[in-house]
Amino acid sequence: MKIKYYPDTDTLYIEFNDNRIVETRELDSFMLIDVDEQDSVCAMTVERASQRANMPEIVFNIPSQKAGERVAA
């Protein structure tokens, strides 16, 4: 996953995978999604991101292990 923020345009771009995009769909005036051939979401664009998200910061929670994987003691 890649997250890019462009402060000059207040645009947030979230890329979930690098599948080939075949269509971009407008969800509303400020949000677009890109889908692949299987109709899976590949990416999302949010215009006016700071206003839409209404958050002063971005917080990431990145797990240190994969789901179901055990940590050695």
PDB file of N, CA and C in Angstrom:
ATOM      1  N   MET A   1       0.844  -1.171   0.000  1.00  0.00           N
ATOM      2  CA  MET A   1       0.000   0.000   0.000  1.00  0.00           C
ATOM      3  C   MET A   1       0.888   1.233   0.000  1.00  0.00           C
ATOM      4  N   LYS A   2       0.490   2.209  -0.788  1.00  0.00           N
ATOM      5  CA  LYS A   2       1.201   3.480  -0.846  1.00  0.00           C
ATOM      6  C   LYS A   2       0.202   4.592  -0.576  1.00  0.00           C
ATOM      7  N   ILE A   3       0.608   5.540   0.242  1.00  0.00           N
ATOM      8  CA  ILE A   3      -0.232   6.697   0.546  1.00  0.00           C
ATOM      9  C   ILE A   3       0.555   7.942   0.197  1.00  0.00           C
ATOM     10  N   LYS A   4      -0.037   8.781  -0.638  1.00  0.00           N
ATOM     11  CA  LYS A   4       0.615  10.024  -1.039  1.00  0.00           C
ATOM     12  C   LYS A   4      -0.341  11.179  -0.778  1.00  0.00           C
ATOM     13  N   TYR A   5       0.204  12.258  -0.230  1.00  0.00           N
ATOM     14  CA  TYR A   5      -0.583  13.466  -0.017  1.00  0.00           C
ATOM     15  C   TYR A   5       0.091  14.603  -0.763  1.00  0.00           C
ATOM     16  N   TYR A   6      -0.700  15.342  -1.522  1.00  0.00           N
ATOM     17  CA  TYR A   6      -0.204  16.465  -2.307  1.00  0.00           C
ATOM     18  C   TYR A   6      -0.774  17.755  -1.705  1.00  0.00           C
ATOM     19  N   PRO A   7       0.007  18.439  -0.855  1.00  0.00           N
ATOM     20  CA  PRO A   7      -0.511  19.615  -0.155  1.00  0.00           C
ATOM     21  C   PRO A   7      -0.898  20.768  -1.085  1.00  0.00           C
ATOM     22  N   ASP A   8      -0.230  20.884  -2.228  1.00  0.00           N
ATOM     23  CA  ASP A   8      -0.547  21.989  -3.138  1.00  0.00           C
ATOM     24  C   ASP A   8      -1.961  21.890  -3.707  1.00  0.00           C
ATOM     25  N   THR A   9      -2.486  20.667  -3.818  1.00  0.00           N
ATOM     26  CA  THR A   9      -3.859  20.482  -4.313  1.00  0.00           C
ATOM     27  C   THR A   9      -4.780  19.900  -3.248  1.00  0.00           C
ATOM     28  N   ASP A  10      -4.238  19.621  -2.049  1.00  0.00           N
ATOM     29  CA  ASP A  10      -4.982  19.008  -0.944  1.00  0.00           C
ATOM     30  C   ASP A  10      -5.639  17.697  -1.400  1.00  0.00           C
ATOM     31  N   THR A  11      -4.823  16.879  -2.080  1.00  0.00           N
ATOM     32  CA  THR A  11      -5.292  15.612  -2.627  1.00  0.00           C
ATOM     33  C   THR A  11      -4.587  14.451  -1.934  1.00  0.00           C
ATOM     34  N   LEU A  12      -5.364  13.454  -1.540  1.00  0.00           N
ATOM     35  CA  LEU A  12      -4.835  12.235  -0.934  1.00  0.00           C
ATOM     36  C   LEU A  12      -5.033  11.098  -1.921  1.00  0.00           C
ATOM     37  N   TYR A  13      -3.951  10.339  -2.177  1.00  0.00           N
ATOM     38  CA  TYR A  13      -4.021   9.203  -3.093  1.00  0.00           C
ATOM     39  C   TYR A  13      -3.575   7.964  -2.333  1.00  0.00           C
ATOM     40  N   ILE A  14      -4.436   6.955  -2.286  1.00  0.00           N
ATOM     41  CA  ILE A  14      -4.126   5.702  -1.593  1.00  0.00           C
ATOM     42  C   ILE A  14      -4.143   4.592  -2.626  1.00  0.00           C
ATOM     43  N   GLU A  15      -2.988   3.944  -2.785  1.00  0.00           N
ATOM     44  CA  GLU A  15      -2.864   2.841  -3.739  1.00  0.00           C
ATOM     45  C   GLU A  15      -2.826   1.531  -2.955  1.00  0.00           C
ATOM     46  N   PHE A  16      -3.780   0.674  -3.197  1.00  0.00           N
ATOM     47  CA  PHE A  16      -3.886  -0.593  -2.475  1.00  0.00           C
ATOM     48  C   PHE A  16      -3.067  -1.709  -3.110  1.00  0.00           C
ATOM     49  N   ASN A  17      -2.934  -1.663  -4.422  1.00  0.00           N
ATOM     50  CA  ASN A  17      -2.140  -2.659  -5.144  1.00  0.00           C
ATOM     51  C   ASN A  17      -1.718  -2.056  -6.480  1.00  0.00           C
ATOM     52  N   ASP A  18      -0.903  -2.779  -7.228  1.00  0.00           N
ATOM     53  CA  ASP A  18      -0.442  -2.244  -8.515  1.00  0.00           C
ATOM     54  C   ASP A  18      -1.094  -2.948  -9.705  1.00  0.00           C
ATOM     55  N   ASN A  19      -2.305  -3.457  -9.499  1.00  0.00           N
ATOM     56  CA  ASN A  19      -3.051  -4.072 -10.602  1.00  0.00           C
ATOM     57  C   ASN A  19      -3.327  -3.030 -11.681  1.00  0.00           C
ATOM     58  N   ARG A  20      -3.517  -3.507 -12.887  1.00  0.00           N
ATOM     59  CA  ARG A  20      -3.815  -2.608 -14.008  1.00  0.00           C
ATOM     60  C   ARG A  20      -5.220  -2.024 -13.832  1.00  0.00           C
ATOM     61  N   ILE A  21      -5.291  -0.710 -13.826  1.00  0.00           N
ATOM     62  CA  ILE A  21      -6.566  -0.010 -13.662  1.00  0.00           C
ATOM     63  C   ILE A  21      -7.296   0.024 -14.999  1.00  0.00           C
ATOM     64  N   VAL A  22      -8.568  -0.390 -14.984  1.00  0.00           N
ATOM     65  CA  VAL A  22      -9.354  -0.382 -16.214  1.00  0.00           C
ATOM     66  C   VAL A  22     -10.470   0.659 -16.186  1.00  0.00           C
ATOM     67  N   GLU A  23     -10.774   1.176 -14.991  1.00  0.00           N
ATOM     68  CA  GLU A  23     -11.853   2.164 -14.895  1.00  0.00           C
ATOM     69  C   GLU A  23     -11.683   3.009 -13.643  1.00  0.00           C
ATOM     70  N   THR A  24     -12.014   4.284 -13.769  1.00  0.00           N
ATOM     71  CA  THR A  24     -12.068   5.191 -12.627  1.00  0.00           C
ATOM     72  C   THR A  24     -13.519   5.582 -12.434  1.00  0.00           C
ATOM     73  N   ARG A  25     -13.994   5.440 -11.199  1.00  0.00           N
ATOM     74  CA  ARG A  25     -15.397   5.756 -10.888  1.00  0.00           C
ATOM     75  C   ARG A  25     -15.474   6.911  -9.897  1.00  0.00           C
ATOM     76  N   GLU A  26     -16.398   7.804 -10.147  1.00  0.00           N
ATOM     77  CA  GLU A  26     -16.614   8.938  -9.264  1.00  0.00           C
ATOM     78  C   GLU A  26     -17.674   8.555  -8.231  1.00  0.00           C
ATOM     79  N   LEU A  27     -17.275   8.552  -6.960  1.00  0.00           N
ATOM     80  CA  LEU A  27     -18.227   8.240  -5.893  1.00  0.00           C
ATOM     81  C   LEU A  27     -19.041   9.468  -5.512  1.00  0.00           C
ATOM     82  N   ASP A  28     -18.381  10.613  -5.494  1.00  0.00           N
ATOM     83  CA  ASP A  28     -19.055  11.893  -5.303  1.00  0.00           C
ATOM     84  C   ASP A  28     -18.149  12.962  -5.897  1.00  0.00           C
ATOM     85  N   SER A  29     -18.427  14.224  -5.652  1.00  0.00           N
ATOM     86  CA  SER A  29     -17.663  15.305  -6.281  1.00  0.00           C
ATOM     87  C   SER A  29     -16.183  15.315  -5.918  1.00  0.00           C
ATOM     88  N   PHE A  30     -15.819  14.671  -4.803  1.00  0.00           N
ATOM     89  CA  PHE A  30     -14.448  14.765  -4.320  1.00  0.00           C
ATOM     90  C   PHE A  30     -13.768  13.423  -4.091  1.00  0.00           C
ATOM     91  N   MET A  31     -14.398  12.315  -4.496  1.00  0.00           N
ATOM     92  CA  MET A  31     -13.816  11.006  -4.250  1.00  0.00           C
ATOM     93  C   MET A  31     -13.940  10.114  -5.480  1.00  0.00           C
ATOM     94  N   LEU A  32     -12.790   9.516  -5.862  1.00  0.00           N
ATOM     95  CA  LEU A  32     -12.728   8.623  -7.014  1.00  0.00           C
ATOM     96  C   LEU A  32     -12.117   7.298  -6.582  1.00  0.00           C
ATOM     97  N   ILE A  33     -12.538   6.214  -7.231  1.00  0.00           N
ATOM     98  CA  ILE A  33     -11.882   4.925  -7.024  1.00  0.00           C
ATOM     99  C   ILE A  33     -11.460   4.372  -8.374  1.00  0.00           C
ATOM    100  N   ASP A  34     -10.325   3.687  -8.372  1.00  0.00           N
ATOM    101  CA  ASP A  34      -9.820   3.009  -9.563  1.00  0.00           C
ATOM    102  C   ASP A  34     -10.016   1.516  -9.362  1.00  0.00           C
ATOM    103  N   VAL A  35     -10.564   0.835 -10.372  1.00  0.00           N
ATOM    104  CA  VAL A  35     -10.818  -0.599 -10.266  1.00  0.00           C
ATOM    105  C   VAL A  35     -10.089  -1.359 -11.371  1.00  0.00           C
ATOM    106  N   ASP A  36      -9.818  -2.646 -11.100  1.00  0.00           N
ATOM    107  CA  ASP A  36      -9.147  -3.500 -12.079  1.00  0.00           C
ATOM    108  C   ASP A  36     -10.166  -4.337 -12.841  1.00  0.00           C
ATOM    109  N   GLU A  37      -9.693  -5.288 -13.629  1.00  0.00           N
ATOM    110  CA  GLU A  37     -10.570  -6.112 -14.456  1.00  0.00           C
ATOM    111  C   GLU A  37     -11.546  -6.956 -13.643  1.00  0.00           C
ATOM    112  N   GLN A  38     -11.176  -7.296 -12.405  1.00  0.00           N
ATOM    113  CA  GLN A  38     -12.056  -8.094 -11.535  1.00  0.00           C
ATOM    114  C   GLN A  38     -12.973  -7.213 -10.694  1.00  0.00           C
ATOM    115  N   ASP A  39     -12.985  -5.918 -10.973  1.00  0.00           N
ATOM    116  CA  ASP A  39     -13.815  -4.946 -10.272  1.00  0.00           C
ATOM    117  C   ASP A  39     -13.363  -4.747  -8.821  1.00  0.00           C
ATOM    118  N   SER A  40     -12.089  -5.054  -8.552  1.00  0.00           N
ATOM    119  CA  SER A  40     -11.514  -4.825  -7.222  1.00  0.00           C
ATOM    120  C   SER A  40     -10.938  -3.413  -7.167  1.00  0.00           C
ATOM    121  N   VAL A  41     -11.062  -2.778  -6.019  1.00  0.00           N
ATOM    122  CA  VAL A  41     -10.539  -1.434  -5.852  1.00  0.00           C
ATOM    123  C   VAL A  41      -9.017  -1.484  -5.781  1.00  0.00           C
ATOM    124  N   CYS A  42      -8.368  -0.718  -6.642  1.00  0.00           N
ATOM    125  CA  CYS A  42      -6.899  -0.640  -6.688  1.00  0.00           C
ATOM    126  C   CYS A  42      -6.387   0.608  -5.993  1.00  0.00           C
ATOM    127  N   ALA A  43      -7.165   1.697  -6.088  1.00  0.00           N
ATOM    128  CA  ALA A  43      -6.719   2.964  -5.530  1.00  0.00           C
ATOM    129  C   ALA A  43      -7.910   3.872  -5.267  1.00  0.00           C
ATOM    130  N   MET A  44      -7.657   4.886  -4.437  1.00  0.00           N
ATOM    131  CA  MET A  44      -8.687   5.856  -4.097  1.00  0.00           C
ATOM    132  C   MET A  44      -8.053   7.245  -4.099  1.00  0.00           C
ATOM    133  N   THR A  45      -8.761   8.209  -4.660  1.00  0.00           N
ATOM    134  CA  THR A  45      -8.323   9.596  -4.659  1.00  0.00           C
ATOM    135  C   THR A  45      -9.353  10.418  -3.902  1.00  0.00           C
ATOM    136  N   VAL A  46      -8.868  11.235  -2.965  1.00  0.00           N
ATOM    137  CA  VAL A  46      -9.747  12.101  -2.189  1.00  0.00           C
ATOM    138  C   VAL A  46      -9.298  13.540  -2.409  1.00  0.00           C
ATOM    139  N   GLU A  47     -10.142  14.332  -3.065  1.00  0.00           N
ATOM    140  CA  GLU A  47      -9.880  15.760  -3.256  1.00  0.00           C
ATOM    141  C   GLU A  47     -10.353  16.504  -2.005  1.00  0.00           C
ATOM    142  N   ARG A  48      -9.724  17.650  -1.732  1.00  0.00           N
ATOM    143  CA  ARG A  48     -10.019  18.417  -0.514  1.00  0.00           C
ATOM    144  C   ARG A  48      -9.894  17.522   0.715  1.00  0.00           C
ATOM    145  N   ALA A  49      -8.843  16.747   0.734  1.00  0.00           N
ATOM    146  CA  ALA A  49      -8.651  15.702   1.750  1.00  0.00           C
ATOM    147  C   ALA A  49      -8.664  16.234   3.176  1.00  0.00           C
ATOM    148  N   SER A  50      -8.024  17.367   3.427  1.00  0.00           N
ATOM    149  CA  SER A  50      -7.977  17.878   4.799  1.00  0.00           C
ATOM    150  C   SER A  50      -9.360  18.280   5.297  1.00  0.00           C
ATOM    151  N   GLN A  51     -10.224  18.726   4.400  1.00  0.00           N
ATOM    152  CA  GLN A  51     -11.597  19.079   4.782  1.00  0.00           C
ATOM    153  C   GLN A  51     -12.469  17.837   4.920  1.00  0.00           C
ATOM    154  N   ARG A  52     -12.307  16.894   4.009  1.00  0.00           N
ATOM    155  CA  ARG A  52     -13.137  15.684   4.002  1.00  0.00           C
ATOM    156  C   ARG A  52     -12.811  14.776   5.175  1.00  0.00           C
ATOM    157  N   ALA A  53     -11.526  14.623   5.464  1.00  0.00           N
ATOM    158  CA  ALA A  53     -11.120  13.715   6.532  1.00  0.00           C
ATOM    159  C   ALA A  53     -11.277  14.364   7.900  1.00  0.00           C
ATOM    160  N   ASN A  54     -11.182  15.698   7.950  1.00  0.00           N
ATOM    161  CA  ASN A  54     -11.344  16.438   9.197  1.00  0.00           C
ATOM    162  C   ASN A  54     -10.436  15.879  10.289  1.00  0.00           C
ATOM    163  N   MET A  55      -9.173  15.721   9.943  1.00  0.00           N
ATOM    164  CA  MET A  55      -8.233  15.199  10.923  1.00  0.00           C
ATOM    165  C   MET A  55      -6.925  15.971  10.838  1.00  0.00           C
ATOM    166  N   PRO A  56      -6.328  16.263  11.983  1.00  0.00           N
ATOM    167  CA  PRO A  56      -5.082  17.020  11.984  1.00  0.00           C
ATOM    168  C   PRO A  56      -3.846  16.169  11.704  1.00  0.00           C
ATOM    169  N   GLU A  57      -3.971  14.837  11.769  1.00  0.00           N
ATOM    170  CA  GLU A  57      -2.818  13.973  11.557  1.00  0.00           C
ATOM    171  C   GLU A  57      -3.266  12.619  11.022  1.00  0.00           C
ATOM    172  N   ILE A  58      -2.313  11.894  10.479  1.00  0.00           N
ATOM    173  CA  ILE A  58      -2.570  10.548   9.998  1.00  0.00           C
ATOM    174  C   ILE A  58      -1.842   9.582  10.925  1.00  0.00           C
ATOM    175  N   VAL A  59      -2.547   8.564  11.400  1.00  0.00           N
ATOM    176  CA  VAL A  59      -1.963   7.584  12.300  1.00  0.00           C
ATOM    177  C   VAL A  59      -1.979   6.229  11.613  1.00  0.00           C
ATOM    178  N   PHE A  60      -0.831   5.565  11.594  1.00  0.00           N
ATOM    179  CA  PHE A  60      -0.715   4.255  10.972  1.00  0.00           C
ATOM    180  C   PHE A  60      -0.591   3.191  12.049  1.00  0.00           C
ATOM    181  N   ASN A  61      -1.261   2.084  11.859  1.00  0.00           N
ATOM    182  CA  ASN A  61      -1.111   0.927  12.724  1.00  0.00           C
ATOM    183  C   ASN A  61      -0.640  -0.210  11.831  1.00  0.00           C
ATOM    184  N   ILE A  62       0.652  -0.482  11.889  1.00  0.00           N
ATOM    185  CA  ILE A  62       1.238  -1.513  11.042  1.00  0.00           C
ATOM    186  C   ILE A  62       1.617  -2.686  11.930  1.00  0.00           C
ATOM    187  N   PRO A  63       0.906  -3.801  11.827  1.00  0.00           N
ATOM    188  CA  PRO A  63       1.221  -4.951  12.680  1.00  0.00           C
ATOM    189  C   PRO A  63       2.599  -5.509  12.370  1.00  0.00           C
ATOM    190  N   SER A  64       3.262  -6.030  13.391  1.00  0.00           N
ATOM    191  CA  SER A  64       4.610  -6.553  13.212  1.00  0.00           C
ATOM    192  C   SER A  64       4.606  -7.993  12.733  1.00  0.00           C
ATOM    193  N   GLN A  65       3.423  -8.580  12.600  1.00  0.00           N
ATOM    194  CA  GLN A  65       3.337  -9.959  12.137  1.00  0.00           C
ATOM    195  C   GLN A  65       2.089 -10.123  11.283  1.00  0.00           C
ATOM    196  N   LYS A  66       2.073 -11.161  10.486  1.00  0.00           N
ATOM    197  CA  LYS A  66       0.917 -11.450   9.648  1.00  0.00           C
ATOM    198  C   LYS A  66      -0.159 -12.115  10.493  1.00  0.00           C
ATOM    199  N   ALA A  67      -1.391 -11.967  10.084  1.00  0.00           N
ATOM    200  CA  ALA A  67      -2.504 -12.587  10.794  1.00  0.00           C
ATOM    201  C   ALA A  67      -2.288 -14.092  10.903  1.00  0.00           C
ATOM    202  N   GLY A  68      -2.428 -14.634  12.080  1.00  0.00           N
ATOM    203  CA  GLY A  68      -2.280 -16.073  12.289  1.00  0.00           C
ATOM    204  C   GLY A  68      -0.850 -16.504  12.544  1.00  0.00           C
ATOM    205  N   GLU A  69       0.107 -15.602  12.345  1.00  0.00           N
ATOM    206  CA  GLU A  69       1.515 -15.945  12.556  1.00  0.00           C
ATOM    207  C   GLU A  69       1.834 -15.788  14.047  1.00  0.00           C
ATOM    208  N   ARG A  70       2.574 -16.735  14.592  1.00  0.00           N
ATOM    209  CA  ARG A  70       2.918 -16.692  16.009  1.00  0.00           C
ATOM    210  C   ARG A  70       4.279 -16.043  16.204  1.00  0.00           C
ATOM    211  N   VAL A  71       4.398 -15.322  17.293  1.00  0.00           N
ATOM    212  CA  VAL A  71       5.652 -14.683  17.626  1.00  0.00           C
ATOM    213  C   VAL A  71       6.452 -15.619  18.516  1.00  0.00           C
ATOM    214  N   ALA A  72       7.715 -15.831  18.180  1.00  0.00           N
ATOM    215  CA  ALA A  72       8.572 -16.702  18.995  1.00  0.00           C
ATOM    216  C   ALA A  72       8.882 -16.029  20.324  1.00  0.00           C
ATOM    217  N   ALA A  73       8.881 -16.831  21.400  1.00  0.00           N
ATOM    218  CA  ALA A  73       9.131 -16.277  22.728  1.00  0.00           C
ATOM    219  C   ALA A  73      10.607 -16.236  23.042  1.00  0.00           C
TER     220      ALA A  73
END
